[in-house]
Amino acid sequence: MIINNDILDELYLSAGPQRMEKARGYVVMNRVSIDKVNYEDEDNFSVSATVKGTENYKTNIEVMYGE
């Protein structure tokens, strides 16, 4: 699956360095389970996941028309 690099850069910037580091750690520790992926193309997709942190929670990222 390929995602538009501009979208990835925007996600990284909006998260900030501390949240990105925490997120990477969660992935390494297998605390993130991807529940569903809808992929149309690099500018139109969504990802839903469950994160096991202090509490379990669901998160969703949706990109339409590259925004």
Foldseek 3Di string as FASTA:
>chain_A
DAAPPVLVVVVDVVCDDVSVVVVVVQVVVVQKAWDDKDDDDNQFIKTKIWGPDVHIDIDMDTGHRND
